[in-house]
Amino acid sequence: MEKDFITPPNHINFKAKKLFDNIGEIIDGAIAYIAPSGGGPSCKHTHAHDHLFIVVKGRARITLSEQEIILNKDQSYLVDGTIPHAVWNDTDEETVMLGISVTHNGKSF
């Protein structure tokens, strides 16, 4: 995974990885601490906005209507809010995620 990180010009002991581009207007953002076997909602849901999920620690499983996406630390995924979805901790340890709600534009990242 570290191969995706770069050191920007004029930086020292600094590594960065782009997690998203212009994906729409940001509505809000939250951090979640998800215990083992935790997540939700228990029934997949939909809504008008999209979610950009970024895993900071651990591993998350995003369940979509017909698909599962596994996100490891330092990975992101844009969930189309119109597709039924839920998010679960996929490890035996706490998973930490950022969730950024953005205007729906139908892009996947």
PDB file of N, CA and C in Angstrom:
ATOM      1  N   MET A   1       0.811  -1.191   0.000  1.00  0.00           N
ATOM      2  CA  MET A   1       0.000   0.000   0.000  1.00  0.00           C
ATOM      3  C   MET A   1       0.859   1.262   0.000  1.00  0.00           C
ATOM      4  N   GLU A   2       2.009   1.195   0.615  1.00  0.00           N
ATOM      5  CA  GLU A   2       2.824   2.389   0.744  1.00  0.00           C
ATOM      6  C   GLU A   2       3.326   2.888  -0.612  1.00  0.00           C
ATOM      7  N   LYS A   3       3.259   2.051  -1.644  1.00  0.00           N
ATOM      8  CA  LYS A   3       3.698   2.475  -2.966  1.00  0.00           C
ATOM      9  C   LYS A   3       2.839   3.618  -3.504  1.00  0.00           C
ATOM     10  N   ASP A   4       1.626   3.780  -3.009  1.00  0.00           N
ATOM     11  CA  ASP A   4       0.732   4.845  -3.455  1.00  0.00           C
ATOM     12  C   ASP A   4       1.045   6.192  -2.819  1.00  0.00           C
ATOM     13  N   PHE A   5       1.970   6.219  -1.863  1.00  0.00           N
ATOM     14  CA  PHE A   5       2.318   7.455  -1.168  1.00  0.00           C
ATOM     15  C   PHE A   5       3.478   8.145  -1.879  1.00  0.00           C
ATOM     16  N   ILE A   6       3.464   9.470  -1.836  1.00  0.00           N
ATOM     17  CA  ILE A   6       4.550  10.258  -2.428  1.00  0.00           C
ATOM     18  C   ILE A   6       5.045  11.277  -1.406  1.00  0.00           C
ATOM     19  N   THR A   7       6.230  11.791  -1.644  1.00  0.00           N
ATOM     20  CA  THR A   7       6.741  12.920  -0.872  1.00  0.00           C
ATOM     21  C   THR A   7       6.627  14.148  -1.773  1.00  0.00           C
ATOM     22  N   PRO A   8       5.762  15.098  -1.416  1.00  0.00           N
ATOM     23  CA  PRO A   8       5.602  16.291  -2.256  1.00  0.00           C
ATOM     24  C   PRO A   8       6.890  17.108  -2.287  1.00  0.00           C
ATOM     25  N   PRO A   9       7.055  17.909  -3.335  1.00  0.00           N
ATOM     26  CA  PRO A   9       8.250  18.763  -3.419  1.00  0.00           C
ATOM     27  C   PRO A   9       8.404  19.625  -2.164  1.00  0.00           C
ATOM     28  N   ASN A  10       9.638  19.814  -1.743  1.00  0.00           N
ATOM     29  CA  ASN A  10       9.994  20.666  -0.603  1.00  0.00           C
ATOM     30  C   ASN A  10       9.466  20.155   0.739  1.00  0.00           C
ATOM     31  N   HIS A  11       9.172  18.863   0.851  1.00  0.00           N
ATOM     32  CA  HIS A  11       8.747  18.244   2.108  1.00  0.00           C
ATOM     33  C   HIS A  11       9.824  17.276   2.568  1.00  0.00           C
ATOM     34  N   ILE A  12       9.944  17.100   3.864  1.00  0.00           N
ATOM     35  CA  ILE A  12      10.944  16.203   4.438  1.00  0.00           C
ATOM     36  C   ILE A  12      10.238  15.243   5.393  1.00  0.00           C
ATOM     37  N   ASN A  13      10.560  13.945   5.293  1.00  0.00           N
ATOM     38  CA  ASN A  13       9.931  12.924   6.145  1.00  0.00           C
ATOM     39  C   ASN A  13       8.414  13.067   6.137  1.00  0.00           C
ATOM     40  N   PHE A  14       7.860  13.178   4.954  1.00  0.00           N
ATOM     41  CA  PHE A  14       6.436  13.466   4.759  1.00  0.00           C
ATOM     42  C   PHE A  14       5.954  12.602   3.608  1.00  0.00           C
ATOM     43  N   LYS A  15       4.923  11.805   3.829  1.00  0.00           N
ATOM     44  CA  LYS A  15       4.348  10.980   2.772  1.00  0.00           C
ATOM     45  C   LYS A  15       2.866  11.283   2.686  1.00  0.00           C
ATOM     46  N   ALA A  16       2.366  11.380   1.473  1.00  0.00           N
ATOM     47  CA  ALA A  16       0.962  11.708   1.255  1.00  0.00           C
ATOM     48  C   ALA A  16       0.381  10.810   0.169  1.00  0.00           C
ATOM     49  N   LYS A  17      -0.925  10.571   0.263  1.00  0.00           N
ATOM     50  CA  LYS A  17      -1.640   9.775  -0.721  1.00  0.00           C
ATOM     51  C   LYS A  17      -2.954  10.477  -1.012  1.00  0.00           C
ATOM     52  N   LYS A  18      -3.228  10.740  -2.277  1.00  0.00           N
ATOM     53  CA  LYS A  18      -4.495  11.366  -2.653  1.00  0.00           C
ATOM     54  C   LYS A  18      -5.615  10.345  -2.467  1.00  0.00           C
ATOM     55  N   LEU A  19      -6.643  10.735  -1.750  1.00  0.00           N
ATOM     56  CA  LEU A  19      -7.773   9.838  -1.493  1.00  0.00           C
ATOM     57  C   LEU A  19      -8.993  10.164  -2.334  1.00  0.00           C
ATOM     58  N   PHE A  20      -9.105  11.395  -2.824  1.00  0.00           N
ATOM     59  CA  PHE A  20     -10.218  11.736  -3.703  1.00  0.00           C
ATOM     60  C   PHE A  20      -9.937  13.031  -4.438  1.00  0.00           C
ATOM     61  N   ASP A  21     -10.674  13.210  -5.531  1.00  0.00           N
ATOM     62  CA  ASP A  21     -10.638  14.434  -6.324  1.00  0.00           C
ATOM     63  C   ASP A  21     -11.955  15.178  -6.105  1.00  0.00           C
ATOM     64  N   ASN A  22     -12.304  16.020  -7.036  1.00  0.00           N
ATOM     65  CA  ASN A  22     -13.575  16.731  -6.974  1.00  0.00           C
ATOM     66  C   ASN A  22     -14.714  15.728  -7.151  1.00  0.00           C
ATOM     67  N   ILE A  23     -15.447  15.470  -6.077  1.00  0.00           N
ATOM     68  CA  ILE A  23     -16.509  14.462  -6.113  1.00  0.00           C
ATOM     69  C   ILE A  23     -17.875  15.059  -5.836  1.00  0.00           C
ATOM     70  N   GLY A  24     -17.961  16.353  -5.714  1.00  0.00           N
ATOM     71  CA  GLY A  24     -19.214  17.016  -5.393  1.00  0.00           C
ATOM     72  C   GLY A  24     -19.004  17.954  -4.217  1.00  0.00           C
ATOM     73  N   GLU A  25     -20.058  18.604  -3.818  1.00  0.00           N
ATOM     74  CA  GLU A  25     -19.985  19.540  -2.693  1.00  0.00           C
ATOM     75  C   GLU A  25     -20.091  18.796  -1.370  1.00  0.00           C
ATOM     76  N   ILE A  26     -19.185  19.109  -0.439  1.00  0.00           N
ATOM     77  CA  ILE A  26     -19.208  18.459   0.872  1.00  0.00           C
ATOM     78  C   ILE A  26     -20.379  18.990   1.685  1.00  0.00           C
ATOM     79  N   ILE A  27     -21.178  18.072   2.223  1.00  0.00           N
ATOM     80  CA  ILE A  27     -22.312  18.412   3.082  1.00  0.00           C
ATOM     81  C   ILE A  27     -21.876  18.413   4.539  1.00  0.00           C
ATOM     82  N   ASP A  28     -21.228  17.320   4.951  1.00  0.00           N
ATOM     83  CA  ASP A  28     -20.726  17.200   6.315  1.00  0.00           C
ATOM     84  C   ASP A  28     -19.714  16.068   6.387  1.00  0.00           C
ATOM     85  N   GLY A  29     -19.078  15.929   7.530  1.00  0.00           N
ATOM     86  CA  GLY A  29     -18.105  14.861   7.728  1.00  0.00           C
ATOM     87  C   GLY A  29     -18.140  14.391   9.167  1.00  0.00           C
ATOM     88  N   ALA A  30     -17.778  13.122   9.375  1.00  0.00           N
ATOM     89  CA  ALA A  30     -17.790  12.542  10.722  1.00  0.00           C
ATOM     90  C   ALA A  30     -16.676  11.513  10.828  1.00  0.00           C
ATOM     91  N   ILE A  31     -16.281  11.233  12.055  1.00  0.00           N
ATOM     92  CA  ILE A  31     -15.350  10.143  12.328  1.00  0.00           C
ATOM     93  C   ILE A  31     -16.115   9.092  13.113  1.00  0.00           C
ATOM     94  N   ALA A  32     -15.865   7.829  12.791  1.00  0.00           N
ATOM     95  CA  ALA A  32     -16.560   6.733  13.466  1.00  0.00           C
ATOM     96  C   ALA A  32     -15.544   5.755  14.031  1.00  0.00           C
ATOM     97  N   TYR A  33     -15.778   5.323  15.256  1.00  0.00           N
ATOM     98  CA  TYR A  33     -14.994   4.271  15.904  1.00  0.00           C
ATOM     99  C   TYR A  33     -15.911   3.061  15.966  1.00  0.00           C
ATOM    100  N   ILE A  34     -15.593   2.037  15.176  1.00  0.00           N
ATOM    101  CA  ILE A  34     -16.479   0.881  15.022  1.00  0.00           C
ATOM    102  C   ILE A  34     -15.849  -0.323  15.700  1.00  0.00           C
ATOM    103  N   ALA A  35     -16.504  -0.842  16.718  1.00  0.00           N
ATOM    104  CA  ALA A  35     -16.018  -1.997  17.470  1.00  0.00           C
ATOM    105  C   ALA A  35     -16.134  -3.264  16.622  1.00  0.00           C
ATOM    106  N   PRO A  36     -15.401  -4.322  16.990  1.00  0.00           N
ATOM    107  CA  PRO A  36     -15.545  -5.597  16.291  1.00  0.00           C
ATOM    108  C   PRO A  36     -17.016  -6.008  16.233  1.00  0.00           C
ATOM    109  N   SER A  37     -17.445  -6.492  15.085  1.00  0.00           N
ATOM    110  CA  SER A  37     -18.835  -6.888  14.810  1.00  0.00           C
ATOM    111  C   SER A  37     -19.783  -5.702  14.742  1.00  0.00           C
ATOM    112  N   GLY A  38     -19.260  -4.481  14.820  1.00  0.00           N
ATOM    113  CA  GLY A  38     -20.113  -3.296  14.779  1.00  0.00           C
ATOM    114  C   GLY A  38     -20.268  -2.751  13.374  1.00  0.00           C
ATOM    115  N   GLY A  39     -21.251  -1.893  13.218  1.00  0.00           N
ATOM    116  CA  GLY A  39     -21.505  -1.240  11.944  1.00  0.00           C
ATOM    117  C   GLY A  39     -22.973  -0.955  11.774  1.00  0.00           C
ATOM    118  N   GLY A  40     -23.369  -0.700  10.554  1.00  0.00           N
ATOM    119  CA  GLY A  40     -24.779  -0.484  10.312  1.00  0.00           C
ATOM    120  C   GLY A  40     -25.045   0.424   9.124  1.00  0.00           C
ATOM    121  N   PRO A  41     -26.321   0.701   8.934  1.00  0.00           N
ATOM    122  CA  PRO A  41     -27.421   0.198   9.734  1.00  0.00           C
ATOM    123  C   PRO A  41     -27.664  -1.289   9.470  1.00  0.00           C
ATOM    124  N   SER A  42     -28.423  -1.917  10.372  1.00  0.00           N
ATOM    125  CA  SER A  42     -28.649  -3.363  10.261  1.00  0.00           C
ATOM    126  C   SER A  42     -29.418  -3.717   8.990  1.00  0.00           C
ATOM    127  N   CYS A  43     -30.229  -2.813   8.496  1.00  0.00           N
ATOM    128  CA  CYS A  43     -30.878  -2.963   7.187  1.00  0.00           C
ATOM    129  C   CYS A  43     -30.276  -1.906   6.269  1.00  0.00           C
ATOM    130  N   LYS A  44     -29.805  -2.328   5.107  1.00  0.00           N
ATOM    131  CA  LYS A  44     -29.200  -1.360   4.181  1.00  0.00           C
ATOM    132  C   LYS A  44     -30.176  -0.214   3.921  1.00  0.00           C
ATOM    133  N   HIS A  45     -29.632   0.967   3.685  1.00  0.00           N
ATOM    134  CA  HIS A  45     -30.466   2.144   3.470  1.00  0.00           C
ATOM    135  C   HIS A  45     -29.996   2.918   2.239  1.00  0.00           C
ATOM    136  N   THR A  46     -30.815   3.858   1.789  1.00  0.00           N
ATOM    137  CA  THR A  46     -30.473   4.742   0.673  1.00  0.00           C
ATOM    138  C   THR A  46     -30.795   6.170   1.077  1.00  0.00           C
ATOM    139  N   HIS A  47     -30.235   7.114   0.330  1.00  0.00           N
ATOM    140  CA  HIS A  47     -30.538   8.529   0.543  1.00  0.00           C
ATOM    141  C   HIS A  47     -30.035   9.316  -0.659  1.00  0.00           C
ATOM    142  N   ALA A  48     -30.337  10.598  -0.690  1.00  0.00           N
ATOM    143  CA  ALA A  48     -30.021  11.438  -1.854  1.00  0.00           C
ATOM    144  C   ALA A  48     -28.546  11.786  -1.964  1.00  0.00           C
ATOM    145  N   HIS A  49     -27.789  11.763  -0.869  1.00  0.00           N
ATOM    146  CA  HIS A  49     -26.370  12.132  -0.925  1.00  0.00           C
ATOM    147  C   HIS A  49     -25.481  10.891  -0.968  1.00  0.00           C
ATOM    148  N   ASP A  50     -24.243  11.083  -1.394  1.00  0.00           N
ATOM    149  CA  ASP A  50     -23.249  10.011  -1.434  1.00  0.00           C
ATOM    150  C   ASP A  50     -22.407  10.053  -0.163  1.00  0.00           C
ATOM    151  N   HIS A  51     -21.695   8.949   0.108  1.00  0.00           N
ATOM    152  CA  HIS A  51     -20.758   8.891   1.235  1.00  0.00           C
ATOM    153  C   HIS A  51     -19.370   8.576   0.692  1.00  0.00           C
ATOM    154  N   LEU A  52     -18.397   9.386   1.068  1.00  0.00           N
ATOM    155  CA  LEU A  52     -17.002   9.047   0.835  1.00  0.00           C
ATOM    156  C   LEU A  52     -16.484   8.473   2.143  1.00  0.00           C
ATOM    157  N   PHE A  53     -16.144   7.183   2.148  1.00  0.00           N
ATOM    158  CA  PHE A  53     -15.618   6.522   3.336  1.00  0.00           C
ATOM    159  C   PHE A  53     -14.104   6.395   3.211  1.00  0.00           C
ATOM    160  N   ILE A  54     -13.388   6.739   4.270  1.00  0.00           N
ATOM    161  CA  ILE A  54     -11.932   6.643   4.324  1.00  0.00           C
ATOM    162  C   ILE A  54     -11.566   5.882   5.591  1.00  0.00           C
ATOM    163  N   VAL A  55     -10.842   4.772   5.454  1.00  0.00           N
ATOM    164  CA  VAL A  55     -10.425   3.989   6.621  1.00  0.00           C
ATOM    165  C   VAL A  55      -9.092   4.537   7.119  1.00  0.00           C
ATOM    166  N   VAL A  56      -9.070   4.927   8.391  1.00  0.00           N
ATOM    167  CA  VAL A  56      -7.877   5.460   9.038  1.00  0.00           C
ATOM    168  C   VAL A  56      -7.141   4.361   9.801  1.00  0.00           C
ATOM    169  N   LYS A  57      -7.901   3.399  10.307  1.00  0.00           N
ATOM    170  CA  LYS A  57      -7.331   2.287  11.077  1.00  0.00           C
ATOM    171  C   LYS A  57      -8.252   1.085  10.899  1.00  0.00           C
ATOM    172  N   GLY A  58      -7.666  -0.091  10.730  1.00  0.00           N
ATOM    173  CA  GLY A  58      -8.465  -1.304  10.640  1.00  0.00           C
ATOM    174  C   GLY A  58      -8.872  -1.626   9.216  1.00  0.00           C
ATOM    175  N   ARG A  59     -10.058  -2.244   9.089  1.00  0.00           N
ATOM    176  CA  ARG A  59     -10.576  -2.657   7.781  1.00  0.00           C
ATOM    177  C   ARG A  59     -12.101  -2.615   7.846  1.00  0.00           C
ATOM    178  N   ALA A  60     -12.713  -2.072   6.815  1.00  0.00           N
ATOM    179  CA  ALA A  60     -14.167  -1.962   6.760  1.00  0.00           C
ATOM    180  C   ALA A  60     -14.716  -2.762   5.585  1.00  0.00           C
ATOM    181  N   ARG A  61     -15.931  -3.244   5.763  1.00  0.00           N
ATOM    182  CA  ARG A  61     -16.651  -3.955   4.703  1.00  0.00           C
ATOM    183  C   ARG A  61     -17.895  -3.136   4.387  1.00  0.00           C
ATOM    184  N   ILE A  62     -17.977  -2.666   3.156  1.00  0.00           N
ATOM    185  CA  ILE A  62     -19.147  -1.924   2.704  1.00  0.00           C
ATOM    186  C   ILE A  62     -20.016  -2.899   1.936  1.00  0.00           C
ATOM    187  N   THR A  63     -21.235  -3.107   2.413  1.00  0.00           N
ATOM    188  CA  THR A  63     -22.159  -3.994   1.718  1.00  0.00           C
ATOM    189  C   THR A  63     -23.088  -3.130   0.877  1.00  0.00           C
ATOM    190  N   LEU A  64     -23.088  -3.427  -0.412  1.00  0.00           N
ATOM    191  CA  LEU A  64     -23.970  -2.756  -1.356  1.00  0.00           C
ATOM    192  C   LEU A  64     -25.052  -3.746  -1.756  1.00  0.00           C
ATOM    193  N   SER A  65     -25.988  -3.343  -2.581  1.00  0.00           N
ATOM    194  CA  SER A  65     -27.102  -4.220  -2.912  1.00  0.00           C
ATOM    195  C   SER A  65     -26.643  -5.590  -3.401  1.00  0.00           C
ATOM    196  N   GLU A  66     -25.666  -5.655  -4.298  1.00  0.00           N
ATOM    197  CA  GLU A  66     -25.213  -6.930  -4.855  1.00  0.00           C
ATOM    198  C   GLU A  66     -23.701  -7.115  -4.755  1.00  0.00           C
ATOM    199  N   GLN A  67     -23.031  -6.330  -3.927  1.00  0.00           N
ATOM    200  CA  GLN A  67     -21.568  -6.329  -3.930  1.00  0.00           C
ATOM    201  C   GLN A  67     -21.044  -5.998  -2.537  1.00  0.00           C
ATOM    202  N   GLU A  68     -19.829  -6.465  -2.239  1.00  0.00           N
ATOM    203  CA  GLU A  68     -19.127  -6.073  -1.024  1.00  0.00           C
ATOM    204  C   GLU A  68     -17.791  -5.450  -1.414  1.00  0.00           C
ATOM    205  N   ILE A  69     -17.462  -4.367  -0.745  1.00  0.00           N
ATOM    206  CA  ILE A  69     -16.202  -3.676  -0.964  1.00  0.00           C
ATOM    207  C   ILE A  69     -15.424  -3.753   0.344  1.00  0.00           C
ATOM    208  N   ILE A  70     -14.168  -4.174   0.293  1.00  0.00           N
ATOM    209  CA  ILE A  70     -13.306  -4.199   1.475  1.00  0.00           C
ATOM    210  C   ILE A  70     -12.353  -3.016   1.372  1.00  0.00           C
ATOM    211  N   LEU A  71     -12.326  -2.206   2.425  1.00  0.00           N
ATOM    212  CA  LEU A  71     -11.414  -1.068   2.491  1.00  0.00           C
ATOM    213  C   LEU A  71     -10.415  -1.297   3.604  1.00  0.00           C
ATOM    214  N   ASN A  72      -9.148  -1.236   3.275  1.00  0.00           N
ATOM    215  CA  ASN A  72      -8.082  -1.320   4.261  1.00  0.00           C
ATOM    216  C   ASN A  72      -7.664   0.083   4.672  1.00  0.00           C
ATOM    217  N   LYS A  73      -6.813   0.158   5.678  1.00  0.00           N
ATOM    218  CA  LYS A  73      -6.261   1.434   6.136  1.00  0.00           C
ATOM    219  C   LYS A  73      -5.716   2.219   4.942  1.00  0.00           C
ATOM    220  N   ASP A  74      -5.980   3.512   4.932  1.00  0.00           N
ATOM    221  CA  ASP A  74      -5.516   4.431   3.890  1.00  0.00           C
ATOM    222  C   ASP A  74      -6.186   4.215   2.543  1.00  0.00           C
ATOM    223  N   GLN A  75      -7.361   3.608   2.529  1.00  0.00           N
ATOM    224  CA  GLN A  75      -8.120   3.456   1.290  1.00  0.00           C
ATOM    225  C   GLN A  75      -9.447   4.180   1.426  1.00  0.00           C
ATOM    226  N   SER A  76     -10.015   4.552   0.275  1.00  0.00           N
ATOM    227  CA  SER A  76     -11.293   5.256   0.269  1.00  0.00           C
ATOM    228  C   SER A  76     -12.215   4.665  -0.786  1.00  0.00           C
ATOM    229  N   TYR A  77     -13.512   4.929  -0.606  1.00  0.00           N
ATOM    230  CA  TYR A  77     -14.511   4.488  -1.578  1.00  0.00           C
ATOM    231  C   TYR A  77     -15.699   5.433  -1.506  1.00  0.00           C
ATOM    232  N   LEU A  78     -16.192   5.830  -2.673  1.00  0.00           N
ATOM    233  CA  LEU A  78     -17.362   6.690  -2.751  1.00  0.00           C
ATOM    234  C   LEU A  78     -18.589   5.826  -2.998  1.00  0.00           C
ATOM    235  N   VAL A  79     -19.512   5.821  -2.036  1.00  0.00           N
ATOM    236  CA  VAL A  79     -20.745   5.040  -2.141  1.00  0.00           C
ATOM    237  C   VAL A  79     -21.831   5.919  -2.741  1.00  0.00           C
ATOM    238  N   ASP A  80     -22.434   5.457  -3.817  1.00  0.00           N
ATOM    239  CA  ASP A  80     -23.587   6.123  -4.410  1.00  0.00           C
ATOM    240  C   ASP A  80     -24.755   5.949  -3.438  1.00  0.00           C
ATOM    241  N   GLY A  81     -25.237   7.038  -2.884  1.00  0.00           N
ATOM    242  CA  GLY A  81     -26.277   6.976  -1.866  1.00  0.00           C
ATOM    243  C   GLY A  81     -27.582   6.359  -2.323  1.00  0.00           C
ATOM    244  N   THR A  82     -27.813   6.281  -3.641  1.00  0.00           N
ATOM    245  CA  THR A  82     -29.062   5.704  -4.146  1.00  0.00           C
ATOM    246  C   THR A  82     -29.014   4.178  -4.185  1.00  0.00           C
ATOM    247  N   ILE A  83     -27.830   3.585  -3.932  1.00  0.00           N
ATOM    248  CA  ILE A  83     -27.683   2.128  -3.870  1.00  0.00           C
ATOM    249  C   ILE A  83     -27.791   1.702  -2.407  1.00  0.00           C
ATOM    250  N   PRO A  84     -28.642   0.708  -2.079  1.00  0.00           N
ATOM    251  CA  PRO A  84     -28.739   0.249  -0.689  1.00  0.00           C
ATOM    252  C   PRO A  84     -27.355  -0.145  -0.158  1.00  0.00           C
ATOM    253  N   HIS A  85     -27.014   0.361   1.050  1.00  0.00           N
ATOM    254  CA  HIS A  85     -25.670   0.136   1.582  1.00  0.00           C
ATOM    255  C   HIS A  85     -25.658   0.149   3.112  1.00  0.00           C
ATOM    256  N   ALA A  86     -24.588  -0.438   3.650  1.00  0.00           N
ATOM    257  CA  ALA A  86     -24.281  -0.435   5.086  1.00  0.00           C
ATOM    258  C   ALA A  86     -22.774  -0.612   5.217  1.00  0.00           C
ATOM    259  N   VAL A  87     -22.234  -0.276   6.386  1.00  0.00           N
ATOM    260  CA  VAL A  87     -20.786  -0.353   6.622  1.00  0.00           C
ATOM    261  C   VAL A  87     -20.537  -1.135   7.905  1.00  0.00           C
ATOM    262  N   TRP A  88     -19.562  -2.060   7.868  1.00  0.00           N
ATOM    263  CA  TRP A  88     -19.262  -2.931   9.001  1.00  0.00           C
ATOM    264  C   TRP A  88     -17.767  -3.015   9.246  1.00  0.00           C
ATOM    265  N   ASN A  89     -17.395  -3.188  10.497  1.00  0.00           N
ATOM    266  CA  ASN A  89     -16.006  -3.480  10.852  1.00  0.00           C
ATOM    267  C   ASN A  89     -15.707  -4.888  10.348  1.00  0.00           C
ATOM    268  N   ASP A  90     -14.600  -5.055   9.658  1.00  0.00           N
ATOM    269  CA  ASP A  90     -14.234  -6.348   9.085  1.00  0.00           C
ATOM    270  C   ASP A  90     -13.009  -6.947   9.769  1.00  0.00           C
ATOM    271  N   THR A  91     -12.766  -6.561  11.044  1.00  0.00           N
ATOM    272  CA  THR A  91     -11.622  -7.082  11.793  1.00  0.00           C
ATOM    273  C   THR A  91     -12.045  -7.436  13.215  1.00  0.00           C
ATOM    274  N   ASP A  92     -11.109  -8.001  13.959  1.00  0.00           N
ATOM    275  CA  ASP A  92     -11.329  -8.302  15.377  1.00  0.00           C
ATOM    276  C   ASP A  92     -10.873  -7.156  16.273  1.00  0.00           C
ATOM    277  N   GLU A  93     -10.500  -6.032  15.674  1.00  0.00           N
ATOM    278  CA  GLU A  93     -10.075  -4.853  16.417  1.00  0.00           C
ATOM    279  C   GLU A  93     -10.921  -3.662  15.978  1.00  0.00           C
ATOM    280  N   GLU A  94     -10.810  -2.579  16.703  1.00  0.00           N
ATOM    281  CA  GLU A  94     -11.554  -1.377  16.359  1.00  0.00           C
ATOM    282  C   GLU A  94     -11.141  -0.863  14.976  1.00  0.00           C
ATOM    283  N   THR A  95     -12.116  -0.431  14.202  1.00  0.00           N
ATOM    284  CA  THR A  95     -11.867   0.220  12.918  1.00  0.00           C
ATOM    285  C   THR A  95     -12.258   1.684  13.063  1.00  0.00           C
ATOM    286  N   VAL A  96     -11.430   2.567  12.516  1.00  0.00           N
ATOM    287  CA  VAL A  96     -11.704   3.999  12.554  1.00  0.00           C
ATOM    288  C   VAL A  96     -11.890   4.465  11.113  1.00  0.00           C
ATOM    289  N   MET A  97     -13.011   5.141  10.873  1.00  0.00           N
ATOM    290  CA  MET A  97     -13.337   5.616   9.526  1.00  0.00           C
ATOM    291  C   MET A  97     -13.763   7.066   9.541  1.00  0.00           C
ATOM    292  N   LEU A  98     -13.464   7.753   8.456  1.00  0.00           N
ATOM    293  CA  LEU A  98     -14.037   9.061   8.200  1.00  0.00           C
ATOM    294  C   LEU A  98     -15.173   8.861   7.211  1.00  0.00           C
ATOM    295  N   GLY A  99     -16.276   9.545   7.440  1.00  0.00           N
ATOM    296  CA  GLY A  99     -17.397   9.523   6.515  1.00  0.00           C
ATOM    297  C   GLY A  99     -17.703  10.951   6.098  1.00  0.00           C
ATOM    298  N   ILE A 100     -17.595  11.210   4.813  1.00  0.00           N
ATOM    299  CA  ILE A 100     -17.850  12.545   4.288  1.00  0.00           C
ATOM    300  C   ILE A 100     -19.065  12.452   3.378  1.00  0.00           C
ATOM    301  N   SER A 101     -20.115  13.191   3.711  1.00  0.00           N
ATOM    302  CA  SER A 101     -21.323  13.207   2.885  1.00  0.00           C
ATOM    303  C   SER A 101     -21.155  14.278   1.808  1.00  0.00           C
ATOM    304  N   VAL A 102     -21.439  13.909   0.567  1.00  0.00           N
ATOM    305  CA  VAL A 102     -21.297  14.830  -0.555  1.00  0.00           C
ATOM    306  C   VAL A 102     -22.554  14.790  -1.418  1.00  0.00           C
ATOM    307  N   THR A 103     -22.771  15.878  -2.167  1.00  0.00           N
ATOM    308  CA  THR A 103     -23.910  15.905  -3.071  1.00  0.00           C
ATOM    309  C   THR A 103     -23.793  14.750  -4.046  1.00  0.00           C
ATOM    310  N   HIS A 104     -24.905  14.166  -4.369  1.00  0.00           N
ATOM    311  CA  HIS A 104     -24.915  12.998  -5.257  1.00  0.00           C
ATOM    312  C   HIS A 104     -24.543  13.411  -6.671  1.00  0.00           C
ATOM    313  N   ASN A 105     -23.518  12.749  -7.211  1.00  0.00           N
ATOM    314  CA  ASN A 105     -23.175  13.001  -8.604  1.00  0.00           C
ATOM    315  C   ASN A 105     -22.934  11.703  -9.369  1.00  0.00           C
ATOM    316  N   GLY A 106     -23.185  10.550  -8.736  1.00  0.00           N
ATOM    317  CA  GLY A 106     -23.122   9.270  -9.419  1.00  0.00           C
ATOM    318  C   GLY A 106     -21.740   8.747  -9.740  1.00  0.00           C
ATOM    319  N   LYS A 107     -20.684   9.391  -9.266  1.00  0.00           N
ATOM    320  CA  LYS A 107     -19.314   8.926  -9.523  1.00  0.00           C
ATOM    321  C   LYS A 107     -18.922   7.846  -8.522  1.00  0.00           C
ATOM    322  N   SER A 108     -18.100   6.924  -8.952  1.00  0.00           N
ATOM    323  CA  SER A 108     -17.437   6.002  -8.021  1.00  0.00           C
ATOM    324  C   SER A 108     -15.974   6.350  -8.006  1.00  0.00           C
ATOM    325  N   PHE A 109     -15.347   6.192  -6.860  1.00  0.00           N
ATOM    326  CA  PHE A 109     -13.924   6.504  -6.746  1.00  0.00           C
ATOM    327  C   PHE A 109     -13.202   5.307  -6.194  1.00  0.00           C
TER     328      PHE A 109
END
